[in-house]
Amino acid sequence: MNFSHSEKTQGYIERVKAFMDEHVYPVEEQIYAETHELNPGGDWQNWQVHPLIEPLKKKAQEAGLWNLFLPDAELGKGLTTLEYAPLAEQMGRVLFASEIFNCNAPDTGNMEVLYHFGNEQQQEKWLKPLLAGEIRSVFGMTEPDVASSDATNMQATVELDGDELVLNGKKWWTTGLGHPNAKIAIFMALSNPENDKHSQHSMVVVPLDSQGVEIKRMLQAYGDYDAPFGHGEMHFTNVRIPKENLLVGMGKGFAIAQGRLGPGRIHHCMRSIGGAEKALELAMQRGMSRTAFGKPLMMLGGNRERVAEARIAIEQARLLTLQAAWKIDNVGVKNAMVDISAIKVAVPKMLEEVVDMAVQIHGGAGMCNDFPLARFAAGARALRLADGPDEVHKGMVARLELKKYK
């Protein structure tokens, strides 16, 4: 295995870093602060995107730093999972940066679904506007009334009725649902209960303005609504959409999901590594610039050892994630399941620990919005549940390990 960056990758890393230095970091604190002022409380119907975001997106597009995640030389930049990984790390240093490069979740996963599994009509109608950054999308999978750690528990339904599909059910923790530009959802639900358990579900594309789609509320995560993105609850009551909105075919939902999750987890984990690097950087700056008991904070209470542990943990997480990316590219998602599950457990836990160390060095300042640490902490904790909780992924690793000894 070779994880070294190719000349092409190194060029993109330098370009993304330069763009962040010139355009993003100078307005980072302003955008954080003013976004909070623009979007007070849970009044999500009136949430606004910060006015600097669209101009930054235009600059990124003009700079050729757009849709970097998509492995298509015409629609994206033709980068492999391994080549894109370090770019996601750079974006992860600022919580809103991925959107500026049109590389934000859950849109990246939804675009990959439409790219790999959508037909020509579906790509024309939904993929092209997403690639252009004109609209945003959400993914409806988790449900409030069942243990969603077992995805086969889904109670929401999709039924074929003539030329239409009829949708019923509830979804929640639907990321991005509060964004003003969110226009479509990919909805996964039970469609073929007579099949084996991994062939019972389907995915369909649902315009969010369809009759019967009701957005009930945005959910707080650690007391924050995460405006203007939001993580919402939506109900589907006899929603009728054309059967042409079905992706691939009835009962193909889990097959599509497996193709979606591999690269997506690389993206999440590399962004998390970028967040950990930012947290460590902030801890170092704070620890060396503040004095207590006659010494810099960094020289007190075992903080030097904590810094060393953070550096070791970040490097381990990065190498494990790059190995998973290499395997996805070279041997396929099915043959990289141990690595994909392993990073899903290891990386958010690493981010939690590094951010917690940085918060401790910042004292009270680490818990407020003067620094991004509290947001990083909430994001790290959420990632231990998103795309499946730790226990599910540990179970996957254990099952595959036990197979070696049968």
Protein backbone atom coordinates (compact mmCIF):
# COMPACT_ATOMS: atom_id res chain seq x y z
CA MET A 1 0.00 0.00 0.00
CA ASN A 2 1.18 3.49 -0.84
CA PHE A 3 -0.47 6.40 0.96
CA SER A 4 1.92 9.08 -0.29
CA HIS A 5 0.27 11.99 -2.06
CA SER A 6 0.57 12.03 -5.81
CA GLU A 7 1.78 15.16 -7.57
CA LYS A 8 -1.82 15.90 -8.56
CA THR A 9 -3.05 15.50 -4.98
CA GLN A 10 -0.25 17.65 -3.59
CA GLY A 11 -1.19 20.37 -6.05
CA TYR A 12 -4.81 20.33 -4.90
CA ILE A 13 -3.76 20.34 -1.23
CA GLU A 14 -1.70 23.46 -1.81
CA ARG A 15 -4.52 25.13 -3.73
CA VAL A 16 -7.14 24.33 -1.07
CA LYS A 17 -4.80 25.55 1.69
CA ALA A 18 -4.12 28.77 -0.22
CA PHE A 19 -7.84 29.34 -0.76
CA MET A 20 -8.56 28.76 2.93
CA ASP A 21 -5.73 31.13 3.93
CA GLU A 22 -6.86 33.88 1.58
CA HIS A 23 -10.63 33.64 1.70
CA VAL A 24 -11.94 31.47 4.55
CA TYR A 25 -9.82 31.95 7.67
CA PRO A 26 -10.03 35.79 7.54
CA VAL A 27 -13.85 35.64 7.79
CA GLU A 28 -14.23 32.45 9.87
CA GLU A 29 -15.04 34.15 13.19
CA GLN A 30 -17.28 36.71 11.49
CA ILE A 31 -19.35 34.01 9.78
CA TYR A 32 -19.67 31.97 12.98
CA ALA A 33 -20.81 34.98 15.02
CA GLU A 34 -23.13 36.54 12.46
CA THR A 35 -24.73 33.22 11.46
CA HIS A 36 -25.76 32.82 15.09
CA GLU A 37 -27.22 36.32 15.09
CA LEU A 38 -29.05 35.76 11.80
CA ASN A 39 -30.67 32.55 13.01
CA PRO A 40 -31.78 32.82 16.64
CA GLY A 41 -33.58 29.86 18.19
CA GLY A 42 -35.60 27.20 16.41
CA ASP A 43 -37.47 29.45 13.96
CA TRP A 44 -36.08 27.41 11.06
CA GLN A 45 -38.58 28.69 8.49
CA ASN A 46 -36.73 32.01 8.60
CA TRP A 47 -33.15 30.73 8.78
CA GLN A 48 -30.70 32.47 6.46
CA VAL A 49 -27.37 31.52 4.94
CA HIS A 50 -24.65 34.04 5.78
CA PRO A 51 -24.32 36.51 2.87
CA LEU A 52 -20.60 35.75 2.46
CA ILE A 53 -21.15 32.04 1.71
CA GLU A 54 -22.45 32.37 -1.86
CA PRO A 55 -19.62 34.72 -2.96
CA LEU A 56 -17.11 32.29 -1.44
CA LYS A 57 -18.73 29.41 -3.34
CA LYS A 58 -18.45 31.37 -6.56
CA LYS A 59 -14.76 32.05 -5.89
CA ALA A 60 -14.11 28.36 -5.21
CA GLN A 61 -15.86 27.40 -8.42
CA GLU A 62 -13.86 29.96 -10.40
CA ALA A 63 -10.66 28.63 -8.79
CA GLY A 64 -11.43 25.10 -10.00
CA LEU A 65 -11.96 23.85 -6.44
CA TRP A 66 -15.50 22.57 -6.90
CA ASN A 67 -17.03 19.09 -6.55
CA LEU A 68 -13.60 17.75 -5.61
CA PHE A 69 -15.11 14.60 -4.06
CA LEU A 70 -16.61 13.22 -7.29
CA PRO A 71 -14.39 10.68 -9.15
CA ASP A 72 -15.42 11.98 -12.57
CA ALA A 73 -13.07 14.13 -14.60
CA GLU A 74 -15.90 16.06 -16.26
CA LEU A 75 -18.40 16.55 -13.43
CA GLY A 76 -15.72 16.66 -10.71
CA LYS A 77 -11.93 16.50 -10.77
CA GLY A 78 -11.51 12.77 -11.25
CA LEU A 79 -9.92 12.29 -7.83
CA THR A 80 -9.92 8.88 -6.18
CA THR A 81 -11.08 8.41 -2.60
CA LEU A 82 -7.45 8.42 -1.45
CA GLU A 83 -6.64 11.54 -3.47
CA TYR A 84 -9.64 13.45 -2.12
CA ALA A 85 -9.10 12.43 1.52
CA PRO A 86 -6.46 15.08 2.43
CA LEU A 87 -8.62 17.79 0.85
CA ALA A 88 -11.51 16.81 3.13
CA GLU A 89 -9.08 17.13 6.04
CA GLN A 90 -8.28 20.72 5.11
CA MET A 91 -11.99 21.56 4.83
CA GLY A 92 -12.68 19.98 8.23
CA ARG A 93 -10.67 22.66 9.98
CA VAL A 94 -13.61 25.05 9.51
CA LEU A 95 -17.11 23.71 10.07
CA PHE A 96 -18.73 25.49 7.12
CA ALA A 97 -15.84 25.15 4.65
CA SER A 98 -17.07 22.00 2.89
CA GLU A 99 -20.13 23.87 1.62
CA ILE A 100 -17.91 26.47 0.00
CA PHE A 101 -16.32 23.76 -2.19
CA ASN A 102 -19.68 21.99 -2.77
CA CYS A 103 -18.27 19.04 -0.83
CA ASN A 104 -20.69 19.11 2.10
CA ALA A 105 -22.60 16.22 3.62
CA PRO A 106 -25.20 14.92 3.04
CA ASP A 107 -25.11 16.32 -0.49
CA THR A 108 -21.90 14.50 -1.40
CA GLY A 109 -23.46 11.15 -0.55
CA ASN A 110 -26.69 12.00 -2.36
CA MET A 111 -24.78 13.17 -5.43
CA GLU A 112 -22.79 9.93 -5.41
CA VAL A 113 -26.06 7.96 -5.25
CA LEU A 114 -27.49 9.86 -8.20
CA TYR A 115 -24.18 9.63 -10.09
CA HIS A 116 -23.79 5.87 -9.62
CA PHE A 117 -27.42 4.73 -9.46
CA GLY A 118 -29.58 7.45 -11.03
CA ASN A 119 -30.83 7.18 -14.59
CA GLU A 120 -30.31 9.91 -17.17
CA GLN A 121 -33.60 11.64 -16.37
CA GLN A 122 -32.92 11.62 -12.61
CA GLN A 123 -29.42 12.96 -13.11
CA GLU A 124 -30.69 15.76 -15.33
CA LYS A 125 -33.41 16.73 -12.88
CA TRP A 126 -31.53 16.51 -9.56
CA LEU A 127 -27.84 15.72 -9.95
CA LYS A 128 -27.04 18.68 -12.17
CA PRO A 129 -28.57 21.32 -9.83
CA LEU A 130 -26.75 19.71 -6.88
CA LEU A 131 -23.43 19.73 -8.75
CA ALA A 132 -24.03 23.39 -9.60
CA GLY A 133 -24.68 24.20 -5.93
CA GLU A 134 -28.11 25.58 -6.80
CA ILE A 135 -30.02 23.34 -4.41
CA ARG A 136 -29.28 21.18 -1.36
CA SER A 137 -30.60 17.77 -0.40
CA VAL A 138 -31.22 15.57 2.64
CA PHE A 139 -31.20 11.84 3.37
CA GLY A 140 -34.12 10.31 5.29
CA MET A 141 -33.20 7.07 7.03
CA THR A 142 -33.27 7.28 10.86
CA GLU A 143 -36.70 7.02 12.50
CA PRO A 144 -37.96 8.19 15.91
CA ASP A 145 -40.11 5.18 16.84
CA VAL A 146 -37.65 2.31 16.33
CA ALA A 147 -34.07 1.42 17.23
CA SER A 148 -32.44 2.76 14.08
CA SER A 149 -29.10 1.17 14.92
CA ASP A 150 -30.71 -1.81 13.13
CA ALA A 151 -31.67 -0.29 9.79
CA THR A 152 -33.94 -3.24 8.99
CA ASN A 153 -36.29 -1.92 11.70
CA MET A 154 -37.53 0.87 9.42
CA GLN A 155 -41.30 1.33 9.63
CA ALA A 156 -41.70 3.97 6.92
CA THR A 157 -43.13 2.47 3.74
CA VAL A 158 -43.02 2.88 -0.04
CA GLU A 159 -45.85 1.25 -2.00
CA LEU A 160 -46.36 1.11 -5.75
CA ASP A 161 -49.82 2.25 -6.83
CA GLY A 162 -50.14 2.32 -10.60
CA ASP A 163 -47.84 5.01 -11.93
CA GLU A 164 -47.21 6.44 -8.48
CA LEU A 165 -45.30 5.63 -5.32
CA VAL A 166 -47.10 6.22 -2.01
CA LEU A 167 -44.91 7.15 0.98
CA ASN A 168 -45.80 7.03 4.66
CA GLY A 169 -43.74 7.26 7.84
CA LYS A 170 -41.50 9.42 10.00
CA LYS A 171 -37.83 10.39 9.71
CA TRP A 172 -35.67 12.43 12.04
CA TRP A 173 -32.10 13.66 12.49
CA THR A 174 -32.36 14.52 8.81
CA THR A 175 -29.27 16.70 8.41
CA GLY A 176 -29.62 19.84 6.31
CA LEU A 177 -33.41 19.91 6.46
CA GLY A 178 -33.42 23.46 7.84
CA HIS A 179 -31.25 24.87 5.06
CA PRO A 180 -33.17 27.38 2.91
CA ASN A 181 -31.91 25.67 -0.26
CA ALA A 182 -32.94 22.12 0.74
CA LYS A 183 -35.29 20.99 -2.04
CA ILE A 184 -35.21 17.17 -2.22
CA ALA A 185 -34.88 14.17 0.08
CA ILE A 186 -33.67 10.68 -0.68
CA PHE A 187 -36.15 8.63 1.34
CA MET A 188 -35.39 5.04 2.33
CA ALA A 189 -38.26 2.83 3.45
CA LEU A 190 -39.78 -0.66 3.54
CA SER A 191 -41.17 -1.70 0.17
CA ASN A 192 -40.86 -5.50 -0.18
CA PRO A 193 -41.43 -7.19 3.20
CA GLU A 194 -41.65 -10.59 1.50
CA ASN A 195 -37.96 -10.48 0.46
CA ASP A 196 -34.90 -11.33 2.54
CA LYS A 197 -34.13 -8.62 5.07
CA HIS A 198 -31.57 -6.79 2.95
CA SER A 199 -33.81 -6.72 -0.13
CA GLN A 200 -36.90 -5.28 1.53
CA HIS A 201 -36.19 -1.55 1.24
CA SER A 202 -36.14 1.04 -1.52
CA MET A 203 -34.83 4.56 -2.07
CA VAL A 204 -36.85 7.27 -3.77
CA VAL A 205 -36.26 10.95 -4.48
CA VAL A 206 -38.91 13.18 -2.91
CA PRO A 207 -39.30 16.92 -3.57
CA LEU A 208 -39.71 18.51 -0.14
CA ASP A 209 -42.65 20.60 -1.36
CA SER A 210 -44.65 17.45 -2.17
CA GLN A 211 -48.14 17.32 -0.67
CA GLY A 212 -48.08 15.28 2.53
CA VAL A 213 -44.47 16.09 3.46
CA GLU A 214 -44.48 17.96 6.76
CA ILE A 215 -41.37 19.28 8.45
CA LYS A 216 -42.29 19.11 12.12
CA ARG A 217 -39.26 20.69 13.82
CA MET A 218 -35.51 21.07 13.99
CA LEU A 219 -33.76 19.14 16.76
CA GLN A 220 -31.23 20.60 19.15
CA ALA A 221 -27.86 18.89 19.41
CA TYR A 222 -26.31 19.77 22.77
CA GLY A 223 -28.51 22.85 22.93
CA ASP A 224 -27.64 24.11 19.42
CA TYR A 225 -29.93 24.07 16.39
CA ASP A 226 -26.95 24.08 13.99
CA ALA A 227 -28.56 26.79 11.89
CA PRO A 228 -28.85 27.25 8.96
CA PHE A 229 -28.35 23.52 8.34
CA GLY A 230 -30.50 21.90 11.00
CA HIS A 231 -31.28 18.29 11.85
CA GLY A 232 -35.00 17.90 11.40
CA GLU A 233 -37.96 15.62 11.92
CA MET A 234 -40.32 15.15 8.98
CA HIS A 235 -43.52 13.16 8.53
CA PHE A 236 -44.79 11.63 5.29
CA THR A 237 -48.55 11.12 5.03
CA ASN A 238 -49.81 9.51 1.83
CA VAL A 239 -47.18 11.35 -0.20
CA ARG A 240 -47.64 10.53 -3.88
CA ILE A 241 -44.75 10.89 -6.29
CA PRO A 242 -44.15 9.52 -9.81
CA LYS A 243 -42.71 6.01 -9.93
CA GLU A 244 -39.92 7.51 -12.06
CA ASN A 245 -38.51 8.86 -8.77
CA LEU A 246 -37.56 5.33 -7.68
CA LEU A 247 -33.81 4.69 -7.65
CA VAL A 248 -32.72 1.47 -9.46
CA GLY A 249 -35.71 -0.65 -8.44
CA MET A 250 -37.89 -1.88 -5.60
CA GLY A 251 -35.91 -3.66 -2.91
CA LYS A 252 -32.55 -2.16 -3.92
CA GLY A 253 -32.20 0.29 -1.04
CA PHE A 254 -29.56 -1.56 0.95
CA ALA A 255 -27.46 -2.25 -2.13
CA ILE A 256 -27.47 1.49 -2.87
CA ALA A 257 -26.71 2.33 0.76
CA GLN A 258 -23.58 0.16 0.78
CA GLY A 259 -22.23 2.02 -2.24
CA ARG A 260 -23.02 5.36 -0.56
CA LEU A 261 -21.49 4.76 2.85
CA GLY A 262 -17.89 3.75 2.04
CA PRO A 263 -16.56 6.99 0.53
CA GLY A 264 -18.86 9.03 2.78
CA ARG A 265 -17.21 7.65 5.89
CA ILE A 266 -13.80 8.57 4.52
CA HIS A 267 -15.06 12.12 4.04
CA HIS A 268 -16.50 12.32 7.57
CA CYS A 269 -13.36 10.89 9.15
CA MET A 270 -10.91 13.08 7.25
CA ARG A 271 -12.95 16.18 8.11
CA SER A 272 -12.81 15.03 11.73
CA ILE A 273 -9.04 14.73 11.51
CA GLY A 274 -8.94 18.29 10.19
CA GLY A 275 -11.04 19.37 13.16
CA ALA A 276 -8.67 17.59 15.54
CA GLU A 277 -5.68 19.34 13.96
CA LYS A 278 -7.44 22.69 14.41
CA ALA A 279 -8.27 21.87 18.04
CA LEU A 280 -4.68 20.88 18.78
CA GLU A 281 -3.43 24.05 17.10
CA LEU A 282 -5.76 26.18 19.26
CA ALA A 283 -4.66 24.31 22.39
CA MET A 284 -1.01 24.97 21.61
CA GLN A 285 -1.61 28.67 20.97
CA ARG A 286 -3.61 29.05 24.17
CA GLY A 287 -1.24 26.95 26.25
CA MET A 288 1.85 28.88 25.17
CA SER A 289 0.31 32.37 25.40
CA ARG A 290 -1.34 32.13 28.84
CA THR A 291 0.49 31.99 32.17
CA ALA A 292 -0.62 30.58 35.51
CA PHE A 293 1.38 29.96 38.67
CA GLY A 294 4.38 31.54 36.98
CA LYS A 295 4.49 29.17 34.01
CA PRO A 296 2.85 28.85 30.56
CA LEU A 297 -0.24 26.65 30.81
CA MET A 298 1.39 24.14 28.47
CA MET A 299 4.06 23.44 31.10
CA LEU A 300 1.54 22.67 33.86
CA GLY A 301 -0.42 19.62 34.92
CA GLY A 302 0.76 17.08 32.38
CA ASN A 303 -0.30 19.17 29.40
CA ARG A 304 2.87 18.32 27.47
CA GLU A 305 2.01 14.63 27.70
CA ARG A 306 -1.55 15.35 26.59
CA VAL A 307 -0.23 17.16 23.53
CA ALA A 308 1.99 14.19 22.71
CA GLU A 309 -0.94 11.81 23.09
CA ALA A 310 -3.06 14.00 20.81
CA ARG A 311 -0.40 14.04 18.10
CA ILE A 312 0.00 10.25 18.29
CA ALA A 313 -3.77 9.70 18.13
CA ILE A 314 -4.21 12.03 15.14
CA GLU A 315 -1.44 10.32 13.17
CA GLN A 316 -2.85 6.87 13.93
CA ALA A 317 -6.35 7.94 12.87
CA ARG A 318 -5.08 9.49 9.65
CA LEU A 319 -3.11 6.39 8.65
CA LEU A 320 -6.05 4.09 9.37
CA THR A 321 -8.37 6.31 7.33
CA LEU A 322 -5.96 6.53 4.40
CA GLN A 323 -5.64 2.75 4.47
CA ALA A 324 -9.43 2.45 4.27
CA ALA A 325 -9.47 4.91 1.36
CA TRP A 326 -6.76 2.96 -0.45
CA LYS A 327 -8.72 -0.27 -0.04
CA ILE A 328 -11.95 1.30 -1.32
CA ASP A 329 -10.10 2.42 -4.45
CA ASN A 330 -8.12 -0.77 -5.02
CA VAL A 331 -10.13 -3.72 -3.71
CA GLY A 332 -13.65 -2.30 -3.33
CA VAL A 333 -15.98 -1.40 -0.47
CA LYS A 334 -16.91 -5.02 0.29
CA ASN A 335 -13.26 -5.89 0.90
CA ALA A 336 -12.66 -2.80 3.03
CA MET A 337 -15.47 -3.30 5.57
CA VAL A 338 -13.15 -3.87 8.55
CA ASP A 339 -11.28 -0.65 7.81
CA ILE A 340 -14.44 1.35 7.09
CA SER A 341 -16.03 0.23 10.36
CA ALA A 342 -12.76 0.69 12.28
CA ILE A 343 -12.35 4.34 11.27
CA LYS A 344 -15.99 5.04 12.08
CA VAL A 345 -15.24 3.99 15.68
CA ALA A 346 -11.70 5.29 16.09
CA VAL A 347 -11.79 8.73 14.47
CA PRO A 348 -14.77 10.39 16.21
CA LYS A 349 -13.49 9.04 19.54
CA MET A 350 -10.06 10.54 18.79
CA LEU A 351 -11.67 13.88 17.90
CA GLU A 352 -13.66 13.84 21.14
CA GLU A 353 -10.50 13.32 23.19
CA VAL A 354 -8.40 15.93 21.39
CA VAL A 355 -11.17 18.55 21.55
CA ASP A 356 -11.78 17.80 25.22
CA MET A 357 -8.10 18.39 25.93
CA ALA A 358 -8.24 21.69 24.03
CA VAL A 359 -11.38 22.78 25.89
CA GLN A 360 -9.68 22.06 29.22
CA ILE A 361 -6.71 24.26 28.30
CA HIS A 362 -9.03 27.06 27.20
CA GLY A 363 -11.04 26.90 30.42
CA GLY A 364 -14.45 28.56 30.22
CA ALA A 365 -13.60 30.06 26.82
CA GLY A 366 -13.55 26.57 25.36
CA MET A 367 -17.23 26.04 26.11
CA CYS A 368 -18.57 29.21 24.51
CA ASN A 369 -18.78 30.33 20.89
CA ASP A 370 -15.63 32.45 21.04
CA PHE A 371 -13.85 29.35 19.71
CA PRO A 372 -15.12 26.50 17.50
CA LEU A 373 -14.26 23.88 20.14
CA ALA A 374 -17.77 23.45 21.54
CA ARG A 375 -19.07 22.94 18.00
CA PHE A 376 -16.33 20.41 17.31
CA ALA A 377 -17.22 18.59 20.53
CA ALA A 378 -20.90 18.35 19.59
CA GLY A 379 -20.00 17.19 16.07
CA ALA A 380 -17.63 14.52 17.39
CA ARG A 381 -20.26 13.14 19.75
CA ALA A 382 -22.87 13.13 16.99
CA LEU A 383 -20.55 11.20 14.67
CA ARG A 384 -20.43 8.35 17.17
CA LEU A 385 -24.11 7.85 16.29
CA ALA A 386 -24.39 9.07 12.69
CA ASP A 387 -24.14 6.34 10.02
CA GLY A 388 -24.51 3.75 12.78
CA PRO A 389 -23.40 3.79 16.44
CA ASP A 390 -20.02 2.55 17.62
CA GLU A 391 -21.49 -0.76 18.75
CA VAL A 392 -22.72 -1.66 15.26
CA HIS A 393 -19.31 -1.05 13.73
CA LYS A 394 -17.52 -2.93 16.48
CA GLY A 395 -19.91 -5.79 15.83
CA MET A 396 -18.98 -5.73 12.14
CA VAL A 397 -15.26 -5.82 12.92
CA ALA A 398 -15.75 -8.65 15.41
CA ARG A 399 -17.84 -10.74 12.97
CA LEU A 400 -15.26 -10.43 10.21
CA GLU A 401 -12.45 -11.18 12.64
CA LEU A 402 -14.21 -14.29 13.96
CA LYS A 403 -14.65 -15.60 10.42
CA LYS A 404 -10.89 -16.04 10.22
CA TYR A 405 -11.03 -18.64 13.00
CA LYS A 406 -13.96 -20.79 11.87
